[in-house]
Amino acid sequence: MVKNQFNTNIVEWMSDAGGEYKSKAFLDMLGNEGIKVSQSIPYVHQQNGRAERLIRTLTEKAKTMWFQACLPPSWWEFSLDHAVHVYNRTPMRHLEWRTPHEWFTGERPSTERL
C-alpha cells in the first residue's frame, strides 16, 4: 500500500517487542523487502512515546464518550471506533490545520469548518 499510494518504501519497522509482530513469516517478509526491524525494550514506554501517547488519547476520548452516553460494557469497541473516527477528522496544527484523514487520503481541505 505504501509503495502504491505514496511511491515510497518503508525503511524500518519498530515495535515494542510485545509479541504480536514476532512471527517468523512476518519477520521473513520484512527481511525479504529490505526493511530493518527494530524493537524497543519491553515495558519501557519512553522508547515508543508517540504511539503510547496516541493510545492514551484515544482511550481517554473513548471512555469519555462511553461514560457520557451511559453505554453498557459491550459497547466499548464502538466507543473506541468512534473516538478514532473523531480524532482522524480533527484539524491539527502540525498538519497545517488539515485533518489526518485529509492528509492521508490527499483530499483538499474544505474551506468551511464547522
PDB file of N, CA and C in Angstrom:
ATOM      1  N   MET A   1       0.828  -1.188   0.000  1.00  0.00           N
ATOM      2  CA  MET A   1       0.000   0.000   0.000  1.00  0.00           C
ATOM      3  C   MET A   1       0.875   1.256   0.000  1.00  0.00           C
ATOM      4  N   VAL A   2       1.922   1.252   0.812  1.00  0.00           N
ATOM      5  CA  VAL A   2       2.806   2.424   0.881  1.00  0.00           C
ATOM      6  C   VAL A   2       3.468   2.646  -0.473  1.00  0.00           C
ATOM      7  N   LYS A   3       3.939   1.573  -1.099  1.00  0.00           N
ATOM      8  CA  LYS A   3       4.587   1.688  -2.413  1.00  0.00           C
ATOM      9  C   LYS A   3       3.619   2.217  -3.458  1.00  0.00           C
ATOM     10  N   ASN A   4       2.400   1.693  -3.467  1.00  0.00           N
ATOM     11  CA  ASN A   4       1.429   2.077  -4.489  1.00  0.00           C
ATOM     12  C   ASN A   4       0.854   3.468  -4.278  1.00  0.00           C
ATOM     13  N   GLN A   5       0.482   3.797  -3.056  1.00  0.00           N
ATOM     14  CA  GLN A   5      -0.200   5.062  -2.814  1.00  0.00           C
ATOM     15  C   GLN A   5       0.745   6.241  -2.654  1.00  0.00           C
ATOM     16  N   PHE A   6       1.933   6.003  -2.080  1.00  0.00           N
ATOM     17  CA  PHE A   6       2.814   7.117  -1.762  1.00  0.00           C
ATOM     18  C   PHE A   6       4.135   7.080  -2.518  1.00  0.00           C
ATOM     19  N   ASN A   7       4.313   6.062  -3.360  1.00  0.00           N
ATOM     20  CA  ASN A   7       5.505   5.933  -4.184  1.00  0.00           C
ATOM     21  C   ASN A   7       6.784   6.037  -3.340  1.00  0.00           C
ATOM     22  N   THR A   8       6.823   5.334  -2.238  1.00  0.00           N
ATOM     23  CA  THR A   8       7.984   5.320  -1.348  1.00  0.00           C
ATOM     24  C   THR A   8       8.091   3.944  -0.703  1.00  0.00           C
ATOM     25  N   ASN A   9       9.183   3.697  -0.027  1.00  0.00           N
ATOM     26  CA  ASN A   9       9.401   2.407   0.622  1.00  0.00           C
ATOM     27  C   ASN A   9       9.485   2.575   2.129  1.00  0.00           C
ATOM     28  N   ILE A  10       9.111   1.534   2.836  1.00  0.00           N
ATOM     29  CA  ILE A  10       9.300   1.501   4.287  1.00  0.00           C
ATOM     30  C   ILE A  10      10.736   1.095   4.528  1.00  0.00           C
ATOM     31  N   VAL A  11      11.447   1.857   5.340  1.00  0.00           N
ATOM     32  CA  VAL A  11      12.853   1.601   5.613  1.00  0.00           C
ATOM     33  C   VAL A  11      13.026   0.801   6.892  1.00  0.00           C
ATOM     34  N   GLU A  12      12.210   1.111   7.912  1.00  0.00           N
ATOM     35  CA  GLU A  12      12.390   0.484   9.213  1.00  0.00           C
ATOM     36  C   GLU A  12      11.037   0.210   9.853  1.00  0.00           C
ATOM     37  N   TRP A  13      10.940  -0.929  10.536  1.00  0.00           N
ATOM     38  CA  TRP A  13       9.740  -1.311  11.260  1.00  0.00           C
ATOM     39  C   TRP A  13      10.106  -1.389  12.731  1.00  0.00           C
ATOM     40  N   MET A  14       9.419  -0.620  13.579  1.00  0.00           N
ATOM     41  CA  MET A  14       9.713  -0.639  15.001  1.00  0.00           C
ATOM     42  C   MET A  14       8.489  -1.093  15.764  1.00  0.00           C
ATOM     43  N   SER A  15       8.707  -2.014  16.693  1.00  0.00           N
ATOM     44  CA  SER A  15       7.622  -2.464  17.558  1.00  0.00           C
ATOM     45  C   SER A  15       8.121  -2.477  18.994  1.00  0.00           C
ATOM     46  N   ASP A  16       7.196  -2.700  19.905  1.00  0.00           N
ATOM     47  CA  ASP A  16       7.552  -2.669  21.322  1.00  0.00           C
ATOM     48  C   ASP A  16       7.925  -4.039  21.864  1.00  0.00           C
ATOM     49  N   ALA A  17       8.214  -4.986  20.995  1.00  0.00           N
ATOM     50  CA  ALA A  17       8.615  -6.340  21.381  1.00  0.00           C
ATOM     51  C   ALA A  17       7.535  -7.040  22.200  1.00  0.00           C
ATOM     52  N   GLY A  18       6.289  -6.678  21.954  1.00  0.00           N
ATOM     53  CA  GLY A  18       5.197  -7.270  22.707  1.00  0.00           C
ATOM     54  C   GLY A  18       4.807  -8.657  22.255  1.00  0.00           C
ATOM     55  N   GLY A  19       5.252  -9.077  21.104  1.00  0.00           N
ATOM     56  CA  GLY A  19       4.967 -10.424  20.634  1.00  0.00           C
ATOM     57  C   GLY A  19       4.023 -10.497  19.458  1.00  0.00           C
ATOM     58  N   GLU A  20       3.219  -9.451  19.234  1.00  0.00           N
ATOM     59  CA  GLU A  20       2.239  -9.521  18.153  1.00  0.00           C
ATOM     60  C   GLU A  20       2.880  -9.446  16.762  1.00  0.00           C
ATOM     61  N   TYR A  21       4.101  -8.949  16.671  1.00  0.00           N
ATOM     62  CA  TYR A  21       4.790  -8.850  15.381  1.00  0.00           C
ATOM     63  C   TYR A  21       6.071  -9.676  15.377  1.00  0.00           C
ATOM     64  N   LYS A  22       6.064 -10.849  15.977  1.00  0.00           N
ATOM     65  CA  LYS A  22       7.272 -11.651  16.089  1.00  0.00           C
ATOM     66  C   LYS A  22       7.198 -12.971  15.325  1.00  0.00           C
ATOM     67  N   SER A  23       6.191 -13.162  14.515  1.00  0.00           N
ATOM     68  CA  SER A  23       6.100 -14.434  13.802  1.00  0.00           C
ATOM     69  C   SER A  23       7.229 -14.517  12.776  1.00  0.00           C
ATOM     70  N   LYS A  24       7.701 -15.720  12.558  1.00  0.00           N
ATOM     71  CA  LYS A  24       8.804 -15.933  11.622  1.00  0.00           C
ATOM     72  C   LYS A  24       8.403 -15.501  10.214  1.00  0.00           C
ATOM     73  N   ALA A  25       7.183 -15.797   9.814  1.00  0.00           N
ATOM     74  CA  ALA A  25       6.716 -15.425   8.477  1.00  0.00           C
ATOM     75  C   ALA A  25       6.736 -13.904   8.288  1.00  0.00           C
ATOM     76  N   PHE A  26       6.284 -13.166   9.299  1.00  0.00           N
ATOM     77  CA  PHE A  26       6.255 -11.702   9.209  1.00  0.00           C
ATOM     78  C   PHE A  26       7.671 -11.132   9.153  1.00  0.00           C
ATOM     79  N   LEU A  27       8.547 -11.619  10.034  1.00  0.00           N
ATOM     80  CA  LEU A  27       9.925 -11.127  10.049  1.00  0.00           C
ATOM     81  C   LEU A  27      10.660 -11.488   8.757  1.00  0.00           C
ATOM     82  N   ASP A  28      10.382 -12.681   8.214  1.00  0.00           N
ATOM     83  CA  ASP A  28      10.979 -13.062   6.924  1.00  0.00           C
ATOM     84  C   ASP A  28      10.508 -12.156   5.803  1.00  0.00           C
ATOM     85  N   MET A  29       9.218 -11.821   5.814  1.00  0.00           N
ATOM     86  CA  MET A  29       8.669 -10.928   4.787  1.00  0.00           C
ATOM     87  C   MET A  29       9.338  -9.554   4.857  1.00  0.00           C
ATOM     88  N   LEU A  30       9.518  -9.024   6.077  1.00  0.00           N
ATOM     89  CA  LEU A  30      10.192  -7.733   6.225  1.00  0.00           C
ATOM     90  C   LEU A  30      11.622  -7.815   5.706  1.00  0.00           C
ATOM     91  N   GLY A  31      12.324  -8.892   6.062  1.00  0.00           N
ATOM     92  CA  GLY A  31      13.698  -9.075   5.602  1.00  0.00           C
ATOM     93  C   GLY A  31      13.795  -9.171   4.095  1.00  0.00           C
ATOM     94  N   ASN A  32      12.861  -9.875   3.466  1.00  0.00           N
ATOM     95  CA  ASN A  32      12.859 -10.002   2.007  1.00  0.00           C
ATOM     96  C   ASN A  32      12.614  -8.669   1.312  1.00  0.00           C
ATOM     97  N   GLU A  33      11.895  -7.790   1.980  1.00  0.00           N
ATOM     98  CA  GLU A  33      11.618  -6.457   1.422  1.00  0.00           C
ATOM     99  C   GLU A  33      12.725  -5.459   1.747  1.00  0.00           C
ATOM    100  N   GLY A  34      13.735  -5.884   2.516  1.00  0.00           N
ATOM    101  CA  GLY A  34      14.837  -4.997   2.881  1.00  0.00           C
ATOM    102  C   GLY A  34      14.490  -4.014   3.986  1.00  0.00           C
ATOM    103  N   ILE A  35      13.520  -4.361   4.797  1.00  0.00           N
ATOM    104  CA  ILE A  35      13.077  -3.483   5.879  1.00  0.00           C
ATOM    105  C   ILE A  35      13.803  -3.864   7.161  1.00  0.00           C
ATOM    106  N   LYS A  36      14.450  -2.898   7.791  1.00  0.00           N
ATOM    107  CA  LYS A  36      15.165  -3.116   9.043  1.00  0.00           C
ATOM    108  C   LYS A  36      14.151  -3.249  10.177  1.00  0.00           C
ATOM    109  N   VAL A  37      14.361  -4.251  11.035  1.00  0.00           N
ATOM    110  CA  VAL A  37      13.460  -4.487  12.165  1.00  0.00           C
ATOM    111  C   VAL A  37      14.129  -3.983  13.438  1.00  0.00           C
ATOM    112  N   SER A  38      13.452  -3.086  14.150  1.00  0.00           N
ATOM    113  CA  SER A  38      13.934  -2.572  15.439  1.00  0.00           C
ATOM    114  C   SER A  38      12.883  -2.843  16.493  1.00  0.00           C
ATOM    115  N   GLN A  39      13.349  -3.139  17.698  1.00  0.00           N
ATOM    116  CA  GLN A  39      12.413  -3.357  18.796  1.00  0.00           C
ATOM    117  C   GLN A  39      12.870  -2.576  20.005  1.00  0.00           C
ATOM    118  N   SER A  40      11.909  -1.942  20.660  1.00  0.00           N
ATOM    119  CA  SER A  40      12.217  -1.244  21.901  1.00  0.00           C
ATOM    120  C   SER A  40      12.263  -2.255  23.038  1.00  0.00           C
ATOM    121  N   ILE A  41      12.770  -1.829  24.153  1.00  0.00           N
ATOM    122  CA  ILE A  41      12.833  -2.688  25.326  1.00  0.00           C
ATOM    123  C   ILE A  41      11.413  -2.846  25.872  1.00  0.00           C
ATOM    124  N   PRO A  42      10.985  -4.082  26.179  1.00  0.00           N
ATOM    125  CA  PRO A  42       9.628  -4.273  26.696  1.00  0.00           C
ATOM    126  C   PRO A  42       9.379  -3.466  27.972  1.00  0.00           C
ATOM    127  N   TYR A  43       8.186  -2.910  28.076  1.00  0.00           N
ATOM    128  CA  TYR A  43       7.702  -2.156  29.235  1.00  0.00           C
ATOM    129  C   TYR A  43       8.449  -0.840  29.461  1.00  0.00           C
ATOM    130  N   VAL A  44       9.153  -0.338  28.453  1.00  0.00           N
ATOM    131  CA  VAL A  44       9.798   0.972  28.540  1.00  0.00           C
ATOM    132  C   VAL A  44       9.049   1.875  27.555  1.00  0.00           C
ATOM    133  N   HIS A  45       7.974   2.486  28.039  1.00  0.00           N
ATOM    134  CA  HIS A  45       7.087   3.257  27.171  1.00  0.00           C
ATOM    135  C   HIS A  45       7.764   4.493  26.586  1.00  0.00           C
ATOM    136  N   GLN A  46       8.822   4.981  27.230  1.00  0.00           N
ATOM    137  CA  GLN A  46       9.502   6.173  26.734  1.00  0.00           C
ATOM    138  C   GLN A  46      10.104   5.943  25.357  1.00  0.00           C
ATOM    139  N   GLN A  47      10.436   4.710  25.010  1.00  0.00           N
ATOM    140  CA  GLN A  47      11.027   4.427  23.708  1.00  0.00           C
ATOM    141  C   GLN A  47       9.988   4.381  22.597  1.00  0.00           C
ATOM    142  N   ASN A  48       8.736   4.396  22.951  1.00  0.00           N
ATOM    143  CA  ASN A  48       7.666   4.343  21.960  1.00  0.00           C
ATOM    144  C   ASN A  48       6.634   5.418  22.296  1.00  0.00           C
ATOM    145  N   GLY A  49       7.129   6.614  22.606  1.00  0.00           N
ATOM    146  CA  GLY A  49       6.314   7.682  23.162  1.00  0.00           C
ATOM    147  C   GLY A  49       5.128   8.122  22.338  1.00  0.00           C
ATOM    148  N   ARG A  50       5.322   8.332  21.030  1.00  0.00           N
ATOM    149  CA  ARG A  50       4.210   8.830  20.217  1.00  0.00           C
ATOM    150  C   ARG A  50       3.066   7.831  20.163  1.00  0.00           C
ATOM    151  N   ALA A  51       3.400   6.568  19.974  1.00  0.00           N
ATOM    152  CA  ALA A  51       2.356   5.541  19.902  1.00  0.00           C
ATOM    153  C   ALA A  51       1.640   5.407  21.247  1.00  0.00           C
ATOM    154  N   GLU A  52       2.420   5.411  22.331  1.00  0.00           N
ATOM    155  CA  GLU A  52       1.816   5.285  23.652  1.00  0.00           C
ATOM    156  C   GLU A  52       0.906   6.472  23.947  1.00  0.00           C
ATOM    157  N   ARG A  53       1.313   7.673  23.557  1.00  0.00           N
ATOM    158  CA  ARG A  53       0.502   8.866  23.791  1.00  0.00           C
ATOM    159  C   ARG A  53      -0.787   8.809  22.972  1.00  0.00           C
ATOM    160  N   LEU A  54      -0.693   8.346  21.738  1.00  0.00           N
ATOM    161  CA  LEU A  54      -1.890   8.242  20.906  1.00  0.00           C
ATOM    162  C   LEU A  54      -2.864   7.221  21.491  1.00  0.00           C
ATOM    163  N   ILE A  55      -2.349   6.097  21.947  1.00  0.00           N
ATOM    164  CA  ILE A  55      -3.207   5.088  22.567  1.00  0.00           C
ATOM    165  C   ILE A  55      -3.915   5.683  23.781  1.00  0.00           C
ATOM    166  N   ARG A  56      -3.175   6.427  24.600  1.00  0.00           N
ATOM    167  CA  ARG A  56      -3.783   7.035  25.792  1.00  0.00           C
ATOM    168  C   ARG A  56      -4.847   8.062  25.396  1.00  0.00           C
ATOM    169  N   THR A  57      -4.550   8.898  24.403  1.00  0.00           N
ATOM    170  CA  THR A  57      -5.509   9.907  23.951  1.00  0.00           C
ATOM    171  C   THR A  57      -6.789   9.259  23.458  1.00  0.00           C
ATOM    172  N   LEU A  58      -6.665   8.231  22.609  1.00  0.00           N
ATOM    173  CA  LEU A  58      -7.851   7.568  22.080  1.00  0.00           C
ATOM    174  C   LEU A  58      -8.644   6.869  23.174  1.00  0.00           C
ATOM    175  N   THR A  59      -7.948   6.256  24.120  1.00  0.00           N
ATOM    176  CA  THR A  59      -8.637   5.584  25.229  1.00  0.00           C
ATOM    177  C   THR A  59      -9.404   6.586  26.074  1.00  0.00           C
ATOM    178  N   GLU A  60      -8.788   7.745  26.355  1.00  0.00           N
ATOM    179  CA  GLU A  60      -9.483   8.766  27.149  1.00  0.00           C
ATOM    180  C   GLU A  60     -10.712   9.300  26.418  1.00  0.00           C
ATOM    181  N   LYS A  61     -10.581   9.544  25.113  1.00  0.00           N
ATOM    182  CA  LYS A  61     -11.735  10.020  24.343  1.00  0.00           C
ATOM    183  C   LYS A  61     -12.853   8.977  24.333  1.00  0.00           C
ATOM    184  N   ALA A  62     -12.472   7.716  24.127  1.00  0.00           N
ATOM    185  CA  ALA A  62     -13.469   6.651  24.077  1.00  0.00           C
ATOM    186  C   ALA A  62     -14.166   6.488  25.428  1.00  0.00           C
ATOM    187  N   LYS A  63     -13.405   6.521  26.518  1.00  0.00           N
ATOM    188  CA  LYS A  63     -14.014   6.387  27.850  1.00  0.00           C
ATOM    189  C   LYS A  63     -14.968   7.531  28.130  1.00  0.00           C
ATOM    190  N   THR A  64     -14.581   8.731  27.748  1.00  0.00           N
ATOM    191  CA  THR A  64     -15.432   9.895  27.972  1.00  0.00           C
ATOM    192  C   THR A  64     -16.759   9.736  27.240  1.00  0.00           C
ATOM    193  N   MET A  65     -16.697   9.367  25.965  1.00  0.00           N
ATOM    194  CA  MET A  65     -17.940   9.194  25.200  1.00  0.00           C
ATOM    195  C   MET A  65     -18.762   8.039  25.733  1.00  0.00           C
ATOM    196  N   TRP A  66     -18.095   6.965  26.111  1.00  0.00           N
ATOM    197  CA  TRP A  66     -18.757   5.764  26.621  1.00  0.00           C
ATOM    198  C   TRP A  66     -19.507   6.071  27.918  1.00  0.00           C
ATOM    199  N   PHE A  67     -18.831   6.747  28.852  1.00  0.00           N
ATOM    200  CA  PHE A  67     -19.473   7.092  30.124  1.00  0.00           C
ATOM    201  C   PHE A  67     -20.587   8.109  29.926  1.00  0.00           C
ATOM    202  N   GLN A  68     -20.339   9.119  29.102  1.00  0.00           N
ATOM    203  CA  GLN A  68     -21.329  10.173  28.887  1.00  0.00           C
ATOM    204  C   GLN A  68     -22.608   9.617  28.275  1.00  0.00           C
ATOM    205  N   ALA A  69     -22.457   8.619  27.409  1.00  0.00           N
ATOM    206  CA  ALA A  69     -23.628   8.027  26.753  1.00  0.00           C
ATOM    207  C   ALA A  69     -24.282   6.929  27.591  1.00  0.00           C
ATOM    208  N   CYS A  70     -23.680   6.602  28.756  1.00  0.00           N
ATOM    209  CA  CYS A  70     -24.215   5.549  29.644  1.00  0.00           C
ATOM    210  C   CYS A  70     -24.391   4.215  28.907  1.00  0.00           C
ATOM    211  N   LEU A  71     -23.380   3.854  28.139  1.00  0.00           N
ATOM    212  CA  LEU A  71     -23.445   2.621  27.367  1.00  0.00           C
ATOM    213  C   LEU A  71     -22.990   1.428  28.201  1.00  0.00           C
ATOM    214  N   PRO A  72     -23.496   0.243  27.893  1.00  0.00           N
ATOM    215  CA  PRO A  72     -23.047  -0.953  28.610  1.00  0.00           C
ATOM    216  C   PRO A  72     -21.618  -1.328  28.178  1.00  0.00           C
ATOM    217  N   PRO A  73     -20.924  -2.133  28.984  1.00  0.00           N
ATOM    218  CA  PRO A  73     -19.546  -2.516  28.651  1.00  0.00           C
ATOM    219  C   PRO A  73     -19.395  -3.156  27.278  1.00  0.00           C
ATOM    220  N   SER A  74     -20.423  -3.817  26.799  1.00  0.00           N
ATOM    221  CA  SER A  74     -20.330  -4.476  25.487  1.00  0.00           C
ATOM    222  C   SER A  74     -20.182  -3.469  24.336  1.00  0.00           C
ATOM    223  N   TRP A  75     -20.408  -2.186  24.600  1.00  0.00           N
ATOM    224  CA  TRP A  75     -20.296  -1.161  23.561  1.00  0.00           C
ATOM    225  C   TRP A  75     -18.944  -0.463  23.554  1.00  0.00           C
ATOM    226  N   TRP A  76     -17.994  -0.947  24.356  1.00  0.00           N
ATOM    227  CA  TRP A  76     -16.677  -0.312  24.434  1.00  0.00           C
ATOM    228  C   TRP A  76     -16.008  -0.217  23.062  1.00  0.00           C
ATOM    229  N   GLU A  77     -16.068  -1.292  22.287  1.00  0.00           N
ATOM    230  CA  GLU A  77     -15.425  -1.311  20.971  1.00  0.00           C
ATOM    231  C   GLU A  77     -15.971  -0.198  20.070  1.00  0.00           C
ATOM    232  N   PHE A  78     -17.279   0.027  20.116  1.00  0.00           N
ATOM    233  CA  PHE A  78     -17.885   1.065  19.292  1.00  0.00           C
ATOM    234  C   PHE A  78     -17.449   2.457  19.746  1.00  0.00           C
ATOM    235  N   SER A  79     -17.274   2.626  21.052  1.00  0.00           N
ATOM    236  CA  SER A  79     -16.794   3.905  21.568  1.00  0.00           C
ATOM    237  C   SER A  79     -15.379   4.189  21.071  1.00  0.00           C
ATOM    238  N   LEU A  80     -14.540   3.173  21.079  1.00  0.00           N
ATOM    239  CA  LEU A  80     -13.169   3.338  20.594  1.00  0.00           C
ATOM    240  C   LEU A  80     -13.146   3.610  19.093  1.00  0.00           C
ATOM    241  N   ASP A  81     -13.959   2.902  18.326  1.00  0.00           N
ATOM    242  CA  ASP A  81     -14.056   3.163  16.882  1.00  0.00           C
ATOM    243  C   ASP A  81     -14.467   4.611  16.623  1.00  0.00           C
ATOM    244  N   HIS A  82     -15.433   5.085  17.379  1.00  0.00           N
ATOM    245  CA  HIS A  82     -15.906   6.457  17.196  1.00  0.00           C
ATOM    246  C   HIS A  82     -14.833   7.475  17.598  1.00  0.00           C
ATOM    247  N   ALA A  83     -14.086   7.181  18.666  1.00  0.00           N
ATOM    248  CA  ALA A  83     -13.002   8.077  19.089  1.00  0.00           C
ATOM    249  C   ALA A  83     -11.945   8.190  17.988  1.00  0.00           C
ATOM    250  N   VAL A  84     -11.615   7.098  17.351  1.00  0.00           N
ATOM    251  CA  VAL A  84     -10.646   7.123  16.243  1.00  0.00           C
ATOM    252  C   VAL A  84     -11.200   7.933  15.077  1.00  0.00           C
ATOM    253  N   HIS A  85     -12.480   7.747  14.774  1.00  0.00           N
ATOM    254  CA  HIS A  85     -13.114   8.499  13.690  1.00  0.00           C
ATOM    255  C   HIS A  85     -13.056  10.010  13.958  1.00  0.00           C
ATOM    256  N   VAL A  86     -13.403  10.410  15.176  1.00  0.00           N
ATOM    257  CA  VAL A  86     -13.379  11.831  15.539  1.00  0.00           C
ATOM    258  C   VAL A  86     -11.952  12.369  15.499  1.00  0.00           C
ATOM    259  N   TYR A  87     -10.997  11.620  16.038  1.00  0.00           N
ATOM    260  CA  TYR A  87      -9.590  12.044  16.041  1.00  0.00           C
ATOM    261  C   TYR A  87      -9.089  12.278  14.611  1.00  0.00           C
ATOM    262  N   ASN A  88      -9.425  11.371  13.705  1.00  0.00           N
ATOM    263  CA  ASN A  88      -8.951  11.480  12.326  1.00  0.00           C
ATOM    264  C   ASN A  88      -9.607  12.616  11.548  1.00  0.00           C
ATOM    265  N   ARG A  89     -10.636  13.205  12.105  1.00  0.00           N
ATOM    266  CA  ARG A  89     -11.302  14.324  11.437  1.00  0.00           C
ATOM    267  C   ARG A  89     -11.198  15.618  12.228  1.00  0.00           C
ATOM    268  N   THR A  90     -10.198  15.686  13.103  1.00  0.00           N
ATOM    269  CA  THR A  90      -9.929  16.883  13.887  1.00  0.00           C
ATOM    270  C   THR A  90      -8.722  17.602  13.296  1.00  0.00           C
ATOM    271  N   PRO A  91      -8.852  18.874  12.886  1.00  0.00           N
ATOM    272  CA  PRO A  91      -7.710  19.604  12.308  1.00  0.00           C
ATOM    273  C   PRO A  91      -6.561  19.710  13.309  1.00  0.00           C
ATOM    274  N   MET A  92      -5.337  19.610  12.781  1.00  0.00           N
ATOM    275  CA  MET A  92      -4.149  19.663  13.629  1.00  0.00           C
ATOM    276  C   MET A  92      -3.167  20.695  13.099  1.00  0.00           C
ATOM    277  N   ARG A  93      -2.557  21.420  14.018  1.00  0.00           N
ATOM    278  CA  ARG A  93      -1.632  22.476  13.641  1.00  0.00           C
ATOM    279  C   ARG A  93      -0.453  21.931  12.843  1.00  0.00           C
ATOM    280  N   HIS A  94       0.153  20.808  13.294  1.00  0.00           N
ATOM    281  CA  HIS A  94       1.330  20.290  12.593  1.00  0.00           C
ATOM    282  C   HIS A  94       1.008  19.746  11.207  1.00  0.00           C
ATOM    283  N   LEU A  95      -0.274  19.633  10.871  1.00  0.00           N
ATOM    284  CA  LEU A  95      -0.687  19.262   9.519  1.00  0.00           C
ATOM    285  C   LEU A  95      -1.237  20.478   8.767  1.00  0.00           C
ATOM    286  N   GLU A  96      -0.841  21.661   9.224  1.00  0.00           N
ATOM    287  CA  GLU A  96      -1.300  22.931   8.639  1.00  0.00           C
ATOM    288  C   GLU A  96      -2.823  23.022   8.666  1.00  0.00           C
ATOM    289  N   TRP A  97      -3.394  22.662   9.794  1.00  0.00           N
ATOM    290  CA  TRP A  97      -4.822  22.703  10.078  1.00  0.00           C
ATOM    291  C   TRP A  97      -5.639  21.835   9.130  1.00  0.00           C
ATOM    292  N   ARG A  98      -5.008  20.780   8.637  1.00  0.00           N
ATOM    293  CA  ARG A  98      -5.753  19.752   7.914  1.00  0.00           C
ATOM    294  C   ARG A  98      -6.029  18.625   8.903  1.00  0.00           C
ATOM    295  N   THR A  99      -6.949  17.766   8.566  1.00  0.00           N
ATOM    296  CA  THR A  99      -7.230  16.608   9.411  1.00  0.00           C
ATOM    297  C   THR A  99      -6.317  15.462   8.985  1.00  0.00           C
ATOM    298  N   PRO A 100      -6.044  14.500   9.874  1.00  0.00           N
ATOM    299  CA  PRO A 100      -5.273  13.332   9.450  1.00  0.00           C
ATOM    300  C   PRO A 100      -5.928  12.612   8.272  1.00  0.00           C
ATOM    301  N   HIS A 101      -7.252  12.575   8.252  1.00  0.00           N
ATOM    302  CA  HIS A 101      -7.963  11.943   7.139  1.00  0.00           C
ATOM    303  C   HIS A 101      -7.666  12.668   5.826  1.00  0.00           C
ATOM    304  N   GLU A 102      -7.719  13.990   5.823  1.00  0.00           N
ATOM    305  CA  GLU A 102      -7.404  14.757   4.617  1.00  0.00           C
ATOM    306  C   GLU A 102      -5.962  14.540   4.191  1.00  0.00           C
ATOM    307  N   TRP A 103      -5.053  14.543   5.146  1.00  0.00           N
ATOM    308  CA  TRP A 103      -3.636  14.393   4.843  1.00  0.00           C
ATOM    309  C   TRP A 103      -3.355  13.020   4.243  1.00  0.00           C
ATOM    310  N   PHE A 104      -3.915  11.974   4.846  1.00  0.00           N
ATOM    311  CA  PHE A 104      -3.631  10.620   4.405  1.00  0.00           C
ATOM    312  C   PHE A 104      -4.270  10.303   3.066  1.00  0.00           C
ATOM    313  N   THR A 105      -5.487  10.770   2.852  1.00  0.00           N
ATOM    314  CA  THR A 105      -6.191  10.451   1.611  1.00  0.00           C
ATOM    315  C   THR A 105      -5.871  11.422   0.493  1.00  0.00           C
ATOM    316  N   GLY A 106      -5.214  12.529   0.816  1.00  0.00           N
ATOM    317  CA  GLY A 106      -4.879  13.511  -0.205  1.00  0.00           C
ATOM    318  C   GLY A 106      -6.034  14.411  -0.580  1.00  0.00           C
ATOM    319  N   GLU A 107      -7.104  14.370   0.184  1.00  0.00           N
ATOM    320  CA  GLU A 107      -8.247  15.247  -0.093  1.00  0.00           C
ATOM    321  C   GLU A 107      -7.853  16.692   0.151  1.00  0.00           C
ATOM    322  N   ARG A 108      -8.447  17.579  -0.590  1.00  0.00           N
ATOM    323  CA  ARG A 108      -8.224  19.002  -0.392  1.00  0.00           C
ATOM    324  C   ARG A 108      -8.977  19.439   0.851  1.00  0.00           C
ATOM    325  N   PRO A 109      -8.379  20.267   1.692  1.00  0.00           N
ATOM    326  CA  PRO A 109      -9.100  20.760   2.879  1.00  0.00           C
ATOM    327  C   PRO A 109     -10.332  21.550   2.455  1.00  0.00           C
ATOM    328  N   SER A 110     -11.402  21.355   3.200  1.00  0.00           N
ATOM    329  CA  SER A 110     -12.593  22.134   2.904  1.00  0.00           C
ATOM    330  C   SER A 110     -12.383  23.568   3.352  1.00  0.00           C
ATOM    331  N   THR A 111     -13.029  24.503   2.667  1.00  0.00           N
ATOM    332  CA  THR A 111     -12.865  25.908   3.004  1.00  0.00           C
ATOM    333  C   THR A 111     -13.754  26.302   4.179  1.00  0.00           C
ATOM    334  N   GLU A 112     -14.740  25.472   4.460  1.00  0.00           N
ATOM    335  CA  GLU A 112     -15.631  25.766   5.578  1.00  0.00           C
ATOM    336  C   GLU A 112     -15.399  24.779   6.698  1.00  0.00           C
ATOM    337  N   ARG A 113     -15.215  25.273   7.872  1.00  0.00           N
ATOM    338  CA  ARG A 113     -15.094  24.444   9.076  1.00  0.00           C
ATOM    339  C   ARG A 113     -16.271  24.729   9.971  1.00  0.00           C
ATOM    340  N   LEU A 114     -16.799  23.703  10.571  1.00  0.00           N
ATOM    341  CA  LEU A 114     -17.935  23.905  11.486  1.00  0.00           C
ATOM    342  C   LEU A 114     -17.436  24.409  12.803  1.00  0.00           C
TER     343      LEU A 114
END
